[in-house]
PDB file of N, CA and C in Angstrom:
ATOM      1  N   GLN A   1     103.076 108.234 122.226  1.00  0.00           N
ATOM      2  CA  GLN A   1     103.233 107.141 121.270  1.00  0.00           C
ATOM      3  C   GLN A   1     104.708 106.766 121.178  1.00  0.00           C
ATOM      4  N   VAL A   2     104.971 105.496 121.332  1.00  0.00           N
ATOM      5  CA  VAL A   2     106.340 105.008 121.284  1.00  0.00           C
ATOM      6  C   VAL A   2     106.839 105.013 119.846  1.00  0.00           C
ATOM      7  N   GLN A   3     108.036 105.531 119.657  1.00  0.00           N
ATOM      8  CA  GLN A   3     108.632 105.541 118.328  1.00  0.00           C
ATOM      9  C   GLN A   3     110.053 105.006 118.396  1.00  0.00           C
ATOM     10  N   LEU A   4     110.391 104.191 117.412  1.00  0.00           N
ATOM     11  CA  LEU A   4     111.750 103.686 117.234  1.00  0.00           C
ATOM     12  C   LEU A   4     112.180 104.092 115.830  1.00  0.00           C
ATOM     13  N   VAL A   5     113.280 104.789 115.732  1.00  0.00           N
ATOM     14  CA  VAL A   5     113.727 105.297 114.444  1.00  0.00           C
ATOM     15  C   VAL A   5     115.129 104.777 114.152  1.00  0.00           C
ATOM     16  N   GLU A   6     115.223 103.955 113.114  1.00  0.00           N
ATOM     17  CA  GLU A   6     116.509 103.380 112.726  1.00  0.00           C
ATOM     18  C   GLU A   6     117.214 104.266 111.709  1.00  0.00           C
ATOM     19  N   SER A   7     118.514 104.131 111.666  1.00  0.00           N
ATOM     20  CA  SER A   7     119.313 104.789 110.637  1.00  0.00           C
ATOM     21  C   SER A   7     120.628 104.031 110.490  1.00  0.00           C
ATOM     22  N   GLY A   8     121.325 104.293 109.385  1.00  0.00           N
ATOM     23  CA  GLY A   8     122.656 103.731 109.211  1.00  0.00           C
ATOM     24  C   GLY A   8     122.788 102.640 108.173  1.00  0.00           C
ATOM     25  N   GLY A   9     121.702 102.241 107.555  1.00  0.00           N
ATOM     26  CA  GLY A   9     121.803 101.205 106.536  1.00  0.00           C
ATOM     27  C   GLY A   9     122.488 101.720 105.283  1.00  0.00           C
ATOM     28  N   GLY A  10     122.750 100.811 104.362  1.00  0.00           N
ATOM     29  CA  GLY A  10     123.373 101.216 103.120  1.00  0.00           C
ATOM     30  C   GLY A  10     123.893 100.043 102.328  1.00  0.00           C
ATOM     31  N   LEU A  11     124.628 100.368 101.271  1.00  0.00           N
ATOM     32  CA  LEU A  11     125.234  99.368 100.392  1.00  0.00           C
ATOM     33  C   LEU A  11     126.732  99.320 100.668  1.00  0.00           C
ATOM     34  N   VAL A  12     127.216  98.138 101.009  1.00  0.00           N
ATOM     35  CA  VAL A  12     128.643  97.966 101.297  1.00  0.00           C
ATOM     36  C   VAL A  12     129.148  96.696 100.604  1.00  0.00           C
ATOM     37  N   GLN A  13     130.439  96.529 100.624  1.00  0.00           N
ATOM     38  CA  GLN A  13     131.041  95.323 100.053  1.00  0.00           C
ATOM     39  C   GLN A  13     131.324  94.312 101.156  1.00  0.00           C
ATOM     40  N   ALA A  14     131.430  93.067 100.765  1.00  0.00           N
ATOM     41  CA  ALA A  14     131.756  92.012 101.717  1.00  0.00           C
ATOM     42  C   ALA A  14     133.053  92.358 102.444  1.00  0.00           C
ATOM     43  N   GLY A  15     133.041  92.163 103.762  1.00  0.00           N
ATOM     44  CA  GLY A  15     134.204  92.480 104.571  1.00  0.00           C
ATOM     45  C   GLY A  15     134.160  93.863 105.194  1.00  0.00           C
ATOM     46  N   ASP A  16     133.266  94.706 104.698  1.00  0.00           N
ATOM     47  CA  ASP A  16     133.133  96.058 105.233  1.00  0.00           C
ATOM     48  C   ASP A  16     132.382  96.055 106.554  1.00  0.00           C
ATOM     49  N   SER A  17     132.337  97.247 107.162  1.00  0.00           N
ATOM     50  CA  SER A  17     131.612  97.443 108.408  1.00  0.00           C
ATOM     51  C   SER A  17     130.516  98.474 108.225  1.00  0.00           C
ATOM     52  N   LEU A  18     129.533  98.405 109.116  1.00  0.00           N
ATOM     53  CA  LEU A  18     128.417  99.330 109.083  1.00  0.00           C
ATOM     54  C   LEU A  18     127.883  99.433 110.511  1.00  0.00           C
ATOM     55  N   ARG A  19     127.400 100.606 110.901  1.00  0.00           N
ATOM     56  CA  ARG A  19     126.789 100.747 112.215  1.00  0.00           C
ATOM     57  C   ARG A  19     125.369 101.268 112.071  1.00  0.00           C
ATOM     58  N   LEU A  20     124.452 100.518 112.652  1.00  0.00           N
ATOM     59  CA  LEU A  20     123.055 100.917 112.686  1.00  0.00           C
ATOM     60  C   LEU A  20     122.745 101.575 114.026  1.00  0.00           C
ATOM     61  N   SER A  21     121.832 102.527 113.985  1.00  0.00           N
ATOM     62  CA  SER A  21     121.386 103.202 115.204  1.00  0.00           C
ATOM     63  C   SER A  21     119.871 103.113 115.309  1.00  0.00           C
ATOM     64  N   CYS A  22     119.388 103.077 116.537  1.00  0.00           N
ATOM     65  CA  CYS A  22     117.947 103.069 116.777  1.00  0.00           C
ATOM     66  C   CYS A  22     117.674 103.989 117.950  1.00  0.00           C
ATOM     67  N   ALA A  23     116.994 105.087 117.676  1.00  0.00           N
ATOM     68  CA  ALA A  23     116.654 106.051 118.713  1.00  0.00           C
ATOM     69  C   ALA A  23     115.231 105.807 119.181  1.00  0.00           C
ATOM     70  N   ALA A  24     115.067 105.656 120.485  1.00  0.00           N
ATOM     71  CA  ALA A  24     113.752 105.414 121.063  1.00  0.00           C
ATOM     72  C   ALA A  24     113.203 106.696 121.683  1.00  0.00           C
ATOM     73  N   SER A  25     111.889 106.831 121.616  1.00  0.00           N
ATOM     74  CA  SER A  25     111.250 108.032 122.164  1.00  0.00           C
ATOM     75  C   SER A  25     111.018 107.918 123.661  1.00  0.00           C
ATOM     76  N   THR A  26     111.306 106.748 124.235  1.00  0.00           N
ATOM     77  CA  THR A  26     111.111 106.528 125.648  1.00  0.00           C
ATOM     78  C   THR A  26     112.179 105.579 126.164  1.00  0.00           C
ATOM     79  N   ARG A  27     112.425 105.605 127.466  1.00  0.00           N
ATOM     80  CA  ARG A  27     113.401 104.698 128.060  1.00  0.00           C
ATOM     81  C   ARG A  27     112.732 103.707 129.004  1.00  0.00           C
ATOM     82  N   THR A  28     111.483 103.370 128.704  1.00  0.00           N
ATOM     83  CA  THR A  28     110.740 102.484 129.599  1.00  0.00           C
ATOM     84  C   THR A  28     110.810 101.028 129.172  1.00  0.00           C
ATOM     85  N   PHE A  29     111.747 100.675 128.318  1.00  0.00           N
ATOM     86  CA  PHE A  29     111.851  99.308 127.832  1.00  0.00           C
ATOM     87  C   PHE A  29     112.765  98.465 128.710  1.00  0.00           C
ATOM     88  N   ASN A  30     112.462  97.187 128.786  1.00  0.00           N
ATOM     89  CA  ASN A  30     113.348  96.241 129.452  1.00  0.00           C
ATOM     90  C   ASN A  30     114.495  95.865 128.530  1.00  0.00           C
ATOM     91  N   SER A  31     114.160  95.649 127.238  1.00  0.00           N
ATOM     92  CA  SER A  31     115.167  95.216 126.278  1.00  0.00           C
ATOM     93  C   SER A  31     114.907  95.873 124.927  1.00  0.00           C
ATOM     94  N   MET A  32     115.974  96.044 124.189  1.00  0.00           N
ATOM     95  CA  MET A  32     115.870  96.455 122.791  1.00  0.00           C
ATOM     96  C   MET A  32     116.727  95.516 121.975  1.00  0.00           C
ATOM     97  N   GLY A  33     116.383  95.385 120.711  1.00  0.00           N
ATOM     98  CA  GLY A  33     117.133  94.446 119.905  1.00  0.00           C
ATOM     99  C   GLY A  33     117.056  94.748 118.427  1.00  0.00           C
ATOM    100  N   TRP A  34     117.772  93.945 117.682  1.00  0.00           N
ATOM    101  CA  TRP A  34     117.780  94.043 116.227  1.00  0.00           C
ATOM    102  C   TRP A  34     117.335  92.714 115.624  1.00  0.00           C
ATOM    103  N   PHE A  35     116.518  92.836 114.616  1.00  0.00           N
ATOM    104  CA  PHE A  35     116.035  91.686 113.868  1.00  0.00           C
ATOM    105  C   PHE A  35     116.265  91.996 112.392  1.00  0.00           C
ATOM    106  N   ARG A  36     116.200  90.975 111.567  1.00  0.00           N
ATOM    107  CA  ARG A  36     116.366  91.233 110.137  1.00  0.00           C
ATOM    108  C   ARG A  36     115.498  90.304 109.312  1.00  0.00           C
ATOM    109  N   ARG A  37     115.085  90.821 108.176  1.00  0.00           N
ATOM    110  CA  ARG A  37     114.296  90.028 107.235  1.00  0.00           C
ATOM    111  C   ARG A  37     115.008  90.018 105.905  1.00  0.00           C
ATOM    112  N   ALA A  38     115.541  88.862 105.542  1.00  0.00           N
ATOM    113  CA  ALA A  38     116.193  88.699 104.245  1.00  0.00           C
ATOM    114  C   ALA A  38     115.125  88.482 103.180  1.00  0.00           C
ATOM    115  N   PRO A  39     115.447  88.751 101.932  1.00  0.00           N
ATOM    116  CA  PRO A  39     114.470  88.562 100.842  1.00  0.00           C
ATOM    117  C   PRO A  39     113.884  87.158 100.841  1.00  0.00           C
ATOM    118  N   GLY A  40     112.577  87.071 100.859  1.00  0.00           N
ATOM    119  CA  GLY A  40     111.906  85.782 100.808  1.00  0.00           C
ATOM    120  C   GLY A  40     111.911  84.991 102.100  1.00  0.00           C
ATOM    121  N   LYS A  41     112.370  85.605 103.190  1.00  0.00           N
ATOM    122  CA  LYS A  41     112.453  84.887 104.466  1.00  0.00           C
ATOM    123  C   LYS A  41     111.687  85.632 105.547  1.00  0.00           C
ATOM    124  N   GLU A  42     111.522  84.964 106.675  1.00  0.00           N
ATOM    125  CA  GLU A  42     110.847  85.592 107.796  1.00  0.00           C
ATOM    126  C   GLU A  42     111.839  86.454 108.581  1.00  0.00           C
ATOM    127  N   ARG A  43     111.286  87.284 109.436  1.00  0.00           N
ATOM    128  CA  ARG A  43     112.128  88.127 110.276  1.00  0.00           C
ATOM    129  C   ARG A  43     112.802  87.288 111.350  1.00  0.00           C
ATOM    130  N   ASP A  44     114.110  87.425 111.476  1.00  0.00           N
ATOM    131  CA  ASP A  44     114.898  86.630 112.418  1.00  0.00           C
ATOM    132  C   ASP A  44     115.574  87.521 113.452  1.00  0.00           C
ATOM    133  N   PHE A  45     115.788  86.959 114.608  1.00  0.00           N
ATOM    134  CA  PHE A  45     116.507  87.638 115.677  1.00  0.00           C
ATOM    135  C   PHE A  45     117.976  87.789 115.307  1.00  0.00           C
ATOM    136  N   VAL A  46     118.542  88.948 115.624  1.00  0.00           N
ATOM    137  CA  VAL A  46     119.965  89.184 115.394  1.00  0.00           C
ATOM    138  C   VAL A  46     120.695  89.376 116.727  1.00  0.00           C
ATOM    139  N   ALA A  47     120.223  90.342 117.525  1.00  0.00           N
ATOM    140  CA  ALA A  47     120.886  90.633 118.797  1.00  0.00           C
ATOM    141  C   ALA A  47     119.940  91.443 119.671  1.00  0.00           C
ATOM    142  N   SER A  48     120.161  91.351 120.983  1.00  0.00           N
ATOM    143  CA  SER A  48     119.378  92.169 121.901  1.00  0.00           C
ATOM    144  C   SER A  48     120.233  92.558 123.093  1.00  0.00           C
ATOM    145  N   ILE A  49     119.753  93.563 123.816  1.00  0.00           N
ATOM    146  CA  ILE A  49     120.466  94.063 124.978  1.00  0.00           C
ATOM    147  C   ILE A  49     119.449  94.523 126.016  1.00  0.00           C
ATOM    148  N   THR A  50     119.707  94.208 127.271  1.00  0.00           N
ATOM    149  CA  THR A  50     118.818  94.688 128.320  1.00  0.00           C
ATOM    150  C   THR A  50     119.189  96.128 128.651  1.00  0.00           C
ATOM    151  N   TRP A  51     118.180  96.904 128.925  1.00  0.00           N
ATOM    152  CA  TRP A  51     118.422  98.333 129.085  1.00  0.00           C
ATOM    153  C   TRP A  51     119.197  98.645 130.361  1.00  0.00           C
ATOM    154  N   ASN A  52     118.839  98.018 131.465  1.00  0.00           N
ATOM    155  CA  ASN A  52     119.475  98.333 132.741  1.00  0.00           C
ATOM    156  C   ASN A  52     120.840  97.671 132.907  1.00  0.00           C
ATOM    157  N   GLY A  53     120.931  96.381 132.720  1.00  0.00           N
ATOM    158  CA  GLY A  53     122.187  95.674 132.965  1.00  0.00           C
ATOM    159  C   GLY A  53     123.112  95.606 131.780  1.00  0.00           C
ATOM    160  N   GLY A  54     122.589  95.859 130.589  1.00  0.00           N
ATOM    161  CA  GLY A  54     123.438  95.786 129.415  1.00  0.00           C
ATOM    162  C   GLY A  54     123.808  94.373 129.009  1.00  0.00           C
ATOM    163  N   ASP A  55     123.031  93.377 129.459  1.00  0.00           N
ATOM    164  CA  ASP A  55     123.297  92.003 129.036  1.00  0.00           C
ATOM    165  C   ASP A  55     122.980  91.860 127.548  1.00  0.00           C
ATOM    166  N   THR A  56     123.856  91.167 126.844  1.00  0.00           N
ATOM    167  CA  THR A  56     123.701  91.045 125.402  1.00  0.00           C
ATOM    168  C   THR A  56     123.468  89.602 124.976  1.00  0.00           C
ATOM    169  N   PHE A  57     122.778  89.452 123.874  1.00  0.00           N
ATOM    170  CA  PHE A  57     122.446  88.144 123.311  1.00  0.00           C
ATOM    171  C   PHE A  57     122.575  88.248 121.790  1.00  0.00           C
ATOM    172  N   TYR A  58     123.080  87.177 121.183  1.00  0.00           N
ATOM    173  CA  TYR A  58     123.332  87.199 119.740  1.00  0.00           C
ATOM    174  C   TYR A  58     122.862  85.914 119.075  1.00  0.00           C
ATOM    175  N   ALA A  59     122.449  86.052 117.838  1.00  0.00           N
ATOM    176  CA  ALA A  59     122.227  84.876 117.007  1.00  0.00           C
ATOM    177  C   ALA A  59     123.592  84.275 116.666  1.00  0.00           C
ATOM    178  N   ASN A  60     123.628  82.962 116.534  1.00  0.00           N
ATOM    179  CA  ASN A  60     124.903  82.298 116.230  1.00  0.00           C
ATOM    180  C   ASN A  60     125.525  82.813 114.950  1.00  0.00           C
ATOM    181  N   SER A  61     124.700  83.186 114.005  1.00  0.00           N
ATOM    182  CA  SER A  61     125.197  83.591 112.699  1.00  0.00           C
ATOM    183  C   SER A  61     125.973  84.915 112.733  1.00  0.00           C
ATOM    184  N   VAL A  62     125.812  85.691 113.808  1.00  0.00           N
ATOM    185  CA  VAL A  62     126.487  86.994 113.869  1.00  0.00           C
ATOM    186  C   VAL A  62     127.469  87.093 115.031  1.00  0.00           C
ATOM    187  N   LYS A  63     127.539  86.087 115.868  1.00  0.00           N
ATOM    188  CA  LYS A  63     128.467  86.121 117.003  1.00  0.00           C
ATOM    189  C   LYS A  63     129.895  86.333 116.523  1.00  0.00           C
ATOM    190  N   GLY A  64     130.581  87.243 117.185  1.00  0.00           N
ATOM    191  CA  GLY A  64     131.960  87.527 116.824  1.00  0.00           C
ATOM    192  C   GLY A  64     132.109  88.559 115.724  1.00  0.00           C
ATOM    193  N   ARG A  65     131.010  88.881 115.051  1.00  0.00           N
ATOM    194  CA  ARG A  65     131.061  89.892 113.970  1.00  0.00           C
ATOM    195  C   ARG A  65     130.234  91.136 114.302  1.00  0.00           C
ATOM    196  N   PHE A  66     129.124  90.953 114.983  1.00  0.00           N
ATOM    197  CA  PHE A  66     128.236  92.058 115.325  1.00  0.00           C
ATOM    198  C   PHE A  66     128.326  92.347 116.819  1.00  0.00           C
ATOM    199  N   THR A  67     128.178  93.623 117.162  1.00  0.00           N
ATOM    200  CA  THR A  67     128.173  94.036 118.558  1.00  0.00           C
ATOM    201  C   THR A  67     127.026  94.994 118.804  1.00  0.00           C
ATOM    202  N   ILE A  68     126.193  94.661 119.774  1.00  0.00           N
ATOM    203  CA  ILE A  68     125.088  95.543 120.146  1.00  0.00           C
ATOM    204  C   ILE A  68     125.497  96.323 121.390  1.00  0.00           C
ATOM    205  N   SER A  69     125.115  97.588 121.423  1.00  0.00           N
ATOM    206  CA  SER A  69     125.421  98.430 122.574  1.00  0.00           C
ATOM    207  C   SER A  69     124.312  99.452 122.730  1.00  0.00           C
ATOM    208  N   ARG A  70     124.340 100.160 123.862  1.00  0.00           N
ATOM    209  CA  ARG A  70     123.310 101.173 124.094  1.00  0.00           C
ATOM    210  C   ARG A  70     123.930 102.394 124.732  1.00  0.00           C
ATOM    211  N   ASP A  71     123.273 103.508 124.483  1.00  0.00           N
ATOM    212  CA  ASP A  71     123.633 104.768 125.140  1.00  0.00           C
ATOM    213  C   ASP A  71     122.392 105.215 125.889  1.00  0.00           C
ATOM    214  N   THR A  72     122.390 105.006 127.188  1.00  0.00           N
ATOM    215  CA  THR A  72     121.188 105.288 127.960  1.00  0.00           C
ATOM    216  C   THR A  72     120.855 106.774 127.989  1.00  0.00           C
ATOM    217  N   ALA A  73     121.851 107.612 127.886  1.00  0.00           N
ATOM    218  CA  ALA A  73     121.604 109.059 127.893  1.00  0.00           C
ATOM    219  C   ALA A  73     120.880 109.510 126.630  1.00  0.00           C
ATOM    220  N   LYS A  74     121.109 108.787 125.543  1.00  0.00           N
ATOM    221  CA  LYS A  74     120.493 109.154 124.272  1.00  0.00           C
ATOM    222  C   LYS A  74     119.317 108.257 123.906  1.00  0.00           C
ATOM    223  N   ASN A  75     118.979 107.308 124.775  1.00  0.00           N
ATOM    224  CA  ASN A  75     117.907 106.347 124.462  1.00  0.00           C
ATOM    225  C   ASN A  75     118.150 105.693 123.107  1.00  0.00           C
ATOM    226  N   THR A  76     119.376 105.320 122.848  1.00  0.00           N
ATOM    227  CA  THR A  76     119.747 104.814 121.535  1.00  0.00           C
ATOM    228  C   THR A  76     120.482 103.487 121.659  1.00  0.00           C
ATOM    229  N   VAL A  77     120.152 102.587 120.759  1.00  0.00           N
ATOM    230  CA  VAL A  77     120.822 101.297 120.657  1.00  0.00           C
ATOM    231  C   VAL A  77     121.557 101.241 119.325  1.00  0.00           C
ATOM    232  N   TYR A  78     122.720 100.625 119.350  1.00  0.00           N
ATOM    233  CA  TYR A  78     123.546 100.536 118.155  1.00  0.00           C
ATOM    234  C   TYR A  78     123.798  99.078 117.800  1.00  0.00           C
ATOM    235  N   LEU A  79     124.035  98.845 116.526  1.00  0.00           N
ATOM    236  CA  LEU A  79     124.478  97.533 116.079  1.00  0.00           C
ATOM    237  C   LEU A  79     125.693  97.752 115.189  1.00  0.00           C
ATOM    238  N   GLN A  80     126.863  97.438 115.718  1.00  0.00           N
ATOM    239  CA  GLN A  80     128.090  97.517 114.943  1.00  0.00           C
ATOM    240  C   GLN A  80     128.257  96.206 114.196  1.00  0.00           C
ATOM    241  N   MET A  81     128.311  96.287 112.887  1.00  0.00           N
ATOM    242  CA  MET A  81     128.393  95.093 112.061  1.00  0.00           C
ATOM    243  C   MET A  81     129.736  95.095 111.340  1.00  0.00           C
ATOM    244  N   ASP A  82     130.579  94.137 111.652  1.00  0.00           N
ATOM    245  CA  ASP A  82     131.900  94.003 111.034  1.00  0.00           C
ATOM    246  C   ASP A  82     131.948  92.730 110.206  1.00  0.00           C
ATOM    247  N   SER A  83     132.924  92.670 109.330  1.00  0.00           N
ATOM    248  CA  SER A  83     133.125  91.486 108.475  1.00  0.00           C
ATOM    249  C   SER A  83     131.810  91.069 107.816  1.00  0.00           C
ATOM    250  N   LEU A  84     131.145  92.025 107.233  1.00  0.00           N
ATOM    251  CA  LEU A  84     129.836  91.753 106.633  1.00  0.00           C
ATOM    252  C   LEU A  84     129.949  90.767 105.484  1.00  0.00           C
ATOM    253  N   LYS A  85     128.916  89.948 105.353  1.00  0.00           N
ATOM    254  CA  LYS A  85     128.846  88.930 104.305  1.00  0.00           C
ATOM    255  C   LYS A  85     127.607  89.181 103.450  1.00  0.00           C
ATOM    256  N   PRO A  86     127.601  88.693 102.226  1.00  0.00           N
ATOM    257  CA  PRO A  86     126.402  88.863 101.381  1.00  0.00           C
ATOM    258  C   PRO A  86     125.142  88.316 102.049  1.00  0.00           C
ATOM    259  N   GLU A  87     125.276  87.272 102.833  1.00  0.00           N
ATOM    260  CA  GLU A  87     124.093  86.704 103.502  1.00  0.00           C
ATOM    261  C   GLU A  87     123.574  87.572 104.640  1.00  0.00           C
ATOM    262  N   ASP A  88     124.269  88.660 104.952  1.00  0.00           N
ATOM    263  CA  ASP A  88     123.754  89.619 105.926  1.00  0.00           C
ATOM    264  C   ASP A  88     122.797  90.616 105.281  1.00  0.00           C
ATOM    265  N   THR A  89     122.662  90.542 103.973  1.00  0.00           N
ATOM    266  CA  THR A  89     121.749  91.423 103.258  1.00  0.00           C
ATOM    267  C   THR A  89     120.315  91.215 103.753  1.00  0.00           C
ATOM    268  N   ALA A  90     119.683  92.297 104.183  1.00  0.00           N
ATOM    269  CA  ALA A  90     118.336  92.198 104.746  1.00  0.00           C
ATOM    270  C   ALA A  90     117.842  93.599 105.103  1.00  0.00           C
ATOM    271  N   ILE A  91     116.570  93.670 105.453  1.00  0.00           N
ATOM    272  CA  ILE A  91     116.042  94.855 106.109  1.00  0.00           C
ATOM    273  C   ILE A  91     116.201  94.620 107.604  1.00  0.00           C
ATOM    274  N   TYR A  92     116.855  95.544 108.275  1.00  0.00           N
ATOM    275  CA  TYR A  92     117.112  95.427 109.704  1.00  0.00           C
ATOM    276  C   TYR A  92     116.098  96.277 110.468  1.00  0.00           C
ATOM    277  N   TYR A  93     115.473  95.642 111.454  1.00  0.00           N
ATOM    278  CA  TYR A  93     114.455  96.296 112.256  1.00  0.00           C
ATOM    279  C   TYR A  93     114.912  96.396 113.705  1.00  0.00           C
ATOM    280  N   CYS A  94     114.653  97.531 114.284  1.00  0.00           N
ATOM    281  CA  CYS A  94     114.862  97.716 115.705  1.00  0.00           C
ATOM    282  C   CYS A  94     113.578  97.338 116.427  1.00  0.00           C
ATOM    283  N   GLY A  95     113.709  96.584 117.499  1.00  0.00           N
ATOM    284  CA  GLY A  95     112.548  96.185 118.276  1.00  0.00           C
ATOM    285  C   GLY A  95     112.754  96.473 119.751  1.00  0.00           C
ATOM    286  N   ALA A  96     111.657  96.511 120.487  1.00  0.00           N
ATOM    287  CA  ALA A  96     111.735  96.764 121.922  1.00  0.00           C
ATOM    288  C   ALA A  96     110.612  96.037 122.644  1.00  0.00           C
ATOM    289  N   ARG A  97     110.851  95.745 123.908  1.00  0.00           N
ATOM    290  CA  ARG A  97     109.813  95.142 124.727  1.00  0.00           C
ATOM    291  C   ARG A  97     109.896  95.741 126.116  1.00  0.00           C
ATOM    292  N   ARG A  98     108.737  95.778 126.787  1.00  0.00           N
ATOM    293  CA  ARG A  98     108.689  96.445 128.083  1.00  0.00           C
ATOM    294  C   ARG A  98     109.096  95.532 129.227  1.00  0.00           C
ATOM    295  N   SER A  99     108.912  94.223 129.056  1.00  0.00           N
ATOM    296  CA  SER A  99     109.227  93.296 130.151  1.00  0.00           C
ATOM    297  C   SER A  99     109.974  92.096 129.628  1.00  0.00           C
ATOM    298  N   TRP A 100     110.846  91.547 130.483  1.00  0.00           N
ATOM    299  CA  TRP A 100     111.566  90.322 130.149  1.00  0.00           C
ATOM    300  C   TRP A 100     110.566  89.203 129.959  1.00  0.00           C
ATOM    301  N   GLY A 101     110.721  88.465 128.899  1.00  0.00           N
ATOM    302  CA  GLY A 101     109.842  87.336 128.629  1.00  0.00           C
ATOM    303  C   GLY A 101     108.734  87.661 127.657  1.00  0.00           C
ATOM    304  N   GLU A 102     108.457  88.938 127.483  1.00  0.00           N
ATOM    305  CA  GLU A 102     107.472  89.337 126.474  1.00  0.00           C
ATOM    306  C   GLU A 102     108.084  89.241 125.088  1.00  0.00           C
ATOM    307  N   THR A 103     107.245  89.129 124.108  1.00  0.00           N
ATOM    308  CA  THR A 103     107.751  89.240 122.754  1.00  0.00           C
ATOM    309  C   THR A 103     108.037  90.713 122.459  1.00  0.00           C
ATOM    310  N   PHE A 104     108.908  90.930 121.520  1.00  0.00           N
ATOM    311  CA  PHE A 104     109.181  92.302 121.106  1.00  0.00           C
ATOM    312  C   PHE A 104     107.946  92.836 120.377  1.00  0.00           C
ATOM    313  N   GLY A 105     107.378  93.900 120.901  1.00  0.00           N
ATOM    314  CA  GLY A 105     106.120  94.387 120.358  1.00  0.00           C
ATOM    315  C   GLY A 105     106.163  95.771 119.754  1.00  0.00           C
ATOM    316  N   TYR A 106     107.306  96.416 119.890  1.00  0.00           N
ATOM    317  CA  TYR A 106     107.459  97.748 119.319  1.00  0.00           C
ATOM    318  C   TYR A 106     108.532  97.674 118.233  1.00  0.00           C
ATOM    319  N   TRP A 107     108.234  98.304 117.098  1.00  0.00           N
ATOM    320  CA  TRP A 107     109.124  98.159 115.946  1.00  0.00           C
ATOM    321  C   TRP A 107     109.379  99.482 115.258  1.00  0.00           C
ATOM    322  N   GLY A 108     110.590  99.594 114.700  1.00  0.00           N
ATOM    323  CA  GLY A 108     110.899 100.706 113.826  1.00  0.00           C
ATOM    324  C   GLY A 108     110.484 100.380 112.411  1.00  0.00           C
ATOM    325  N   GLN A 109     110.773 101.300 111.522  1.00  0.00           N
ATOM    326  CA  GLN A 109     110.332 101.149 110.129  1.00  0.00           C
ATOM    327  C   GLN A 109     111.280 100.277 109.317  1.00  0.00           C
ATOM    328  N   GLY A 110     112.473 100.033 109.827  1.00  0.00           N
ATOM    329  CA  GLY A 110     113.444  99.197 109.116  1.00  0.00           C
ATOM    330  C   GLY A 110     114.437 100.016 108.325  1.00  0.00           C
ATOM    331  N   THR A 111     115.628  99.462 108.183  1.00  0.00           N
ATOM    332  CA  THR A 111     116.659 100.093 107.375  1.00  0.00           C
ATOM    333  C   THR A 111     117.348  99.021 106.535  1.00  0.00           C
ATOM    334  N   GLN A 112     117.540  99.306 105.263  1.00  0.00           N
ATOM    335  CA  GLN A 112     118.059  98.315 104.331  1.00  0.00           C
ATOM    336  C   GLN A 112     119.576  98.218 104.419  1.00  0.00           C
ATOM    337  N   VAL A 113     120.065  96.997 104.486  1.00  0.00           N
ATOM    338  CA  VAL A 113     121.503  96.726 104.405  1.00  0.00           C
ATOM    339  C   VAL A 113     121.726  95.777 103.239  1.00  0.00           C
ATOM    340  N   ILE A 114     122.588  96.182 102.313  1.00  0.00           N
ATOM    341  CA  ILE A 114     122.916  95.342 101.163  1.00  0.00           C
ATOM    342  C   ILE A 114     124.430  95.134 101.156  1.00  0.00           C
ATOM    343  N   VAL A 115     124.827  93.876 101.146  1.00  0.00           N
ATOM    344  CA  VAL A 115     126.248  93.531 101.138  1.00  0.00           C
ATOM    345  C   VAL A 115     126.556  92.845  99.812  1.00  0.00           C
ATOM    346  N   SER A 116     127.376  93.487  98.995  1.00  0.00           N
ATOM    347  CA  SER A 116     127.720  92.909  97.701  1.00  0.00           C
ATOM    348  C   SER A 116     128.979  92.057  97.823  1.00  0.00           C
ATOM    349  N   SER A 117     129.066  91.052  96.982  1.00  0.00           N
ATOM    350  CA  SER A 117     130.216  90.127  97.029  1.00  0.00           C
ATOM    351  C   SER A 117     131.358  90.609  96.167  1.00  0.00           C
TER     352      SER A 117
END
């Protein structure tokens, strides 16, 4: 059974940094990524990375502030979040997909990030 386990959320102030981690139980994914659901909104894409080539993709709202990376030896993906803003407040979910072009179909339980002003 595939498992994705997130960690690293918390309460921070605007301008602070936070790093999220997502440990996968398998390395058979094509891509892993981060999504977030703000209060009262749908889940939105934040960033993704391909497992083999390390190609990265970002939502415009986080470009230049967030960095996604992976550690293939640990089957872990990270999301370094800098210059956090109150509008970054959300539940952050780690997602994965087995093939390019598929929707992300594997999900972690989510980790809460709260950014106070």
